[in-house]
């Protein structure tokens, strides 16, 4: 039950566990009895977003580092030897907020929205937002994505909303 970094995202998974993703790249598994164990360390360091995502073939834990999207099948290997890189072309950002909507994983990607489809396809430019804005928040509302943006250079000056 020792954390060696700050957990920035918790994902309650269908395998009955809750996973914590840390700002130094550690992934923790919290069991139903409250016991927590570090199960993986991402070699790319800081994790910037995470989600559980169903696909046509399996259910995955997906997470993003600065420029990569990774995944692990659930339940998969207990040694985490089945972790794989599914994309290496994200735009470097403070956050890669992720949200599963309608079977797809939407990813905040700087001034764009990246997407991992239900068929496991990937694009880092599913949506290009209004120039001069960066995507920070993604919410699901009635099966649609609601995107929160902020002006470049003014991260602490409020959030503009776009649908």
Protein backbone atom coordinates (compact mmCIF):
# COMPACT_ATOMS: atom_id res chain seq x y z
CA UNK A 1 0.00 0.00 0.00
CA UNK A 2 2.85 2.39 -0.76
CA UNK A 3 2.52 4.93 -3.56
CA UNK A 4 5.72 6.27 -5.07
CA UNK A 5 4.08 8.94 -7.22
CA UNK A 6 0.89 10.99 -7.43
CA UNK A 7 -2.03 9.03 -8.89
CA UNK A 8 -3.67 11.30 -11.48
CA UNK A 9 -6.33 8.91 -12.80
CA UNK A 10 -8.35 6.08 -11.25
CA UNK A 11 -10.07 3.57 -13.53
CA UNK A 12 -12.65 1.14 -12.16
CA UNK A 13 -12.31 -1.88 -14.40
CA UNK A 14 -14.67 -4.70 -15.33
CA UNK A 15 -12.19 -7.25 -13.93
CA UNK A 16 -13.24 -6.14 -10.43
CA UNK A 17 -10.13 -4.07 -9.68
CA UNK A 18 -9.50 -0.34 -9.67
CA UNK A 19 -6.31 0.88 -11.36
CA UNK A 20 -4.39 4.03 -10.45
CA UNK A 21 -2.14 5.73 -13.00
CA UNK A 22 0.68 7.89 -11.62
CA UNK A 23 2.50 11.01 -12.69
CA UNK A 24 5.84 9.15 -12.62
CA UNK A 25 4.60 6.26 -14.78
CA UNK A 26 3.58 3.72 -12.15
CA UNK A 27 0.34 1.75 -12.42
CA UNK A 28 -1.29 0.43 -9.25
CA UNK A 29 -3.96 -2.25 -8.84
CA UNK A 30 -6.37 -1.79 -5.94
CA UNK A 31 -8.12 -5.00 -4.98
CA UNK A 32 -11.65 -5.19 -3.54
CA UNK A 33 -10.23 -5.75 -0.03
CA UNK A 34 -8.46 -2.36 -0.20
CA UNK A 35 -4.96 -3.77 -0.70
CA UNK A 36 -2.99 -1.88 -3.37
CA UNK A 37 0.03 -3.10 -5.32
CA UNK A 38 2.21 -1.47 -7.98
CA UNK A 39 1.88 -3.73 -11.04
CA UNK A 40 3.66 -1.89 -13.87
CA UNK A 41 6.03 0.98 -14.57
CA UNK A 42 5.72 2.67 -17.95
CA UNK A 43 9.22 3.26 -19.40
CA UNK A 44 8.07 6.60 -20.89
CA UNK A 45 7.34 8.06 -17.45
CA UNK A 46 4.46 10.36 -16.64
CA UNK A 47 1.00 9.04 -17.44
CA UNK A 48 -1.29 11.83 -18.63
CA UNK A 49 -4.66 10.05 -19.00
CA UNK A 50 -6.27 6.61 -18.68
CA UNK A 51 -9.52 4.76 -19.40
CA UNK A 52 -10.99 1.28 -19.78
CA UNK A 53 -12.02 0.70 -23.41
CA UNK A 54 -14.04 -2.12 -24.93
CA UNK A 55 -13.28 -3.13 -28.49
CA UNK A 56 -14.53 -5.65 -31.01
CA UNK A 57 -12.03 -8.25 -29.78
CA UNK A 58 -11.29 -7.52 -26.09
CA UNK A 59 -11.51 -5.00 -23.26
CA UNK A 60 -8.39 -2.96 -22.56
CA UNK A 61 -6.86 -0.58 -20.08
CA UNK A 62 -5.55 2.29 -22.19
CA UNK A 63 -3.31 5.11 -21.06
CA UNK A 64 -1.31 7.91 -22.59
CA UNK A 65 2.16 9.21 -21.87
CA UNK A 66 3.49 12.40 -23.46
CA UNK A 67 3.44 11.08 -27.04
CA UNK A 68 2.27 7.43 -26.85
CA UNK A 69 -0.97 5.52 -26.31
CA UNK A 70 -0.54 2.14 -24.60
CA UNK A 71 -2.94 -0.70 -23.86
CA UNK A 72 -3.21 -3.88 -21.83
CA UNK A 73 -5.93 -6.50 -22.33
CA UNK A 74 -8.09 -7.32 -19.31
CA UNK A 75 -7.46 -9.56 -17.55
CA UNK A 76 -4.46 -10.48 -19.69
CA UNK A 77 -1.08 -11.51 -18.36
CA UNK A 78 -0.46 -11.19 -14.63
CA UNK A 79 3.12 -10.13 -15.40
CA UNK A 80 1.92 -7.32 -17.71
CA UNK A 81 4.09 -8.72 -20.51
CA UNK A 82 1.15 -8.08 -22.87
CA UNK A 83 1.35 -4.25 -22.72
CA UNK A 84 1.66 -2.80 -26.22
CA UNK A 85 2.09 0.59 -27.88
CA UNK A 86 -0.84 1.40 -30.18
CA UNK A 87 0.21 4.92 -31.20
CA UNK A 88 3.39 7.00 -31.01
CA UNK A 89 2.27 10.30 -32.51
CA UNK A 90 0.36 12.21 -29.84
CA UNK A 91 1.16 15.89 -29.47
CA UNK A 92 3.13 16.50 -26.27
CA UNK A 93 0.77 18.04 -23.68
CA UNK A 94 0.31 18.48 -19.93
CA UNK A 95 -2.78 16.24 -20.04
CA UNK A 96 -4.19 13.68 -22.42
CA UNK A 97 -7.61 13.45 -20.82
CA UNK A 98 -9.38 10.28 -22.02
CA UNK A 99 -13.07 9.39 -22.13
CA UNK A 100 -14.78 6.29 -23.48
CA UNK A 101 -17.88 7.33 -25.45
CA UNK A 102 -19.92 4.93 -27.57
CA UNK A 103 -17.16 2.31 -27.69
CA UNK A 104 -14.46 4.75 -28.79
CA UNK A 105 -11.74 6.31 -26.66
CA UNK A 106 -11.53 10.08 -27.15
CA UNK A 107 -8.16 11.62 -26.20
CA UNK A 108 -7.33 15.29 -25.61
CA UNK A 109 -4.40 15.89 -27.95
CA UNK A 110 -3.38 19.54 -27.73
CA UNK A 111 -5.43 21.45 -30.31
CA UNK A 112 -6.92 18.22 -31.64
CA UNK A 113 -8.95 15.26 -30.47
CA UNK A 114 -7.38 11.83 -31.02
CA UNK A 115 -9.55 8.71 -31.23
CA UNK A 116 -9.14 4.97 -30.75
CA UNK A 117 -12.17 3.37 -32.43
CA UNK A 118 -14.20 0.35 -31.37
CA UNK A 119 -12.39 -1.52 -34.18
CA UNK A 120 -9.04 -0.47 -32.59
CA UNK A 121 -8.26 1.98 -35.40
CA UNK A 122 -6.37 5.13 -34.37
CA UNK A 123 -6.16 8.72 -35.57
CA UNK A 124 -4.43 11.57 -33.80
CA UNK A 125 -6.55 14.16 -35.66
CA UNK A 126 -10.19 13.07 -35.32
CA UNK A 127 -11.17 16.71 -34.68
CA UNK A 128 -9.22 19.94 -35.02
CA UNK A 129 -10.68 22.52 -32.61
CA UNK A 130 -10.91 26.29 -33.14
CA UNK A 131 -7.38 27.66 -33.79
CA UNK A 132 -5.70 29.01 -30.66
CA UNK A 133 -7.56 26.60 -28.33
CA UNK A 134 -6.34 23.46 -26.56
CA UNK A 135 -8.53 20.53 -25.46
CA UNK A 136 -8.45 19.99 -21.69
CA UNK A 137 -11.68 18.18 -20.72
CA UNK A 138 -13.91 15.58 -22.38
CA UNK A 139 -17.33 14.65 -21.01
CA UNK A 140 -20.03 12.32 -22.29
CA UNK A 141 -23.56 13.69 -22.56
CA UNK A 142 -26.31 11.53 -24.10
CA UNK A 143 -23.81 9.56 -26.18
CA UNK A 144 -22.02 12.65 -27.49
CA UNK A 145 -18.67 14.17 -26.61
CA UNK A 146 -18.60 17.57 -24.91
CA UNK A 147 -15.17 19.14 -25.17
CA UNK A 148 -13.78 21.77 -22.79
CA UNK A 149 -11.08 23.99 -24.27
CA UNK A 150 -8.94 26.91 -23.17
CA UNK A 151 -7.06 29.59 -25.06
CA UNK A 152 -3.40 28.88 -25.76
CA UNK A 153 -1.28 30.64 -23.14
CA UNK A 154 -4.21 31.20 -20.74
CA UNK A 155 -4.62 27.85 -19.01
CA UNK A 156 -5.81 29.50 -15.76
CA UNK A 157 -8.18 32.04 -17.33
CA UNK A 158 -11.30 29.87 -17.62
CA UNK A 159 -12.63 27.20 -19.89
CA UNK A 160 -14.59 27.71 -23.07
CA UNK A 161 -17.02 24.96 -24.04
CA UNK A 162 -17.49 23.46 -27.47
CA UNK A 163 -19.74 20.63 -28.58
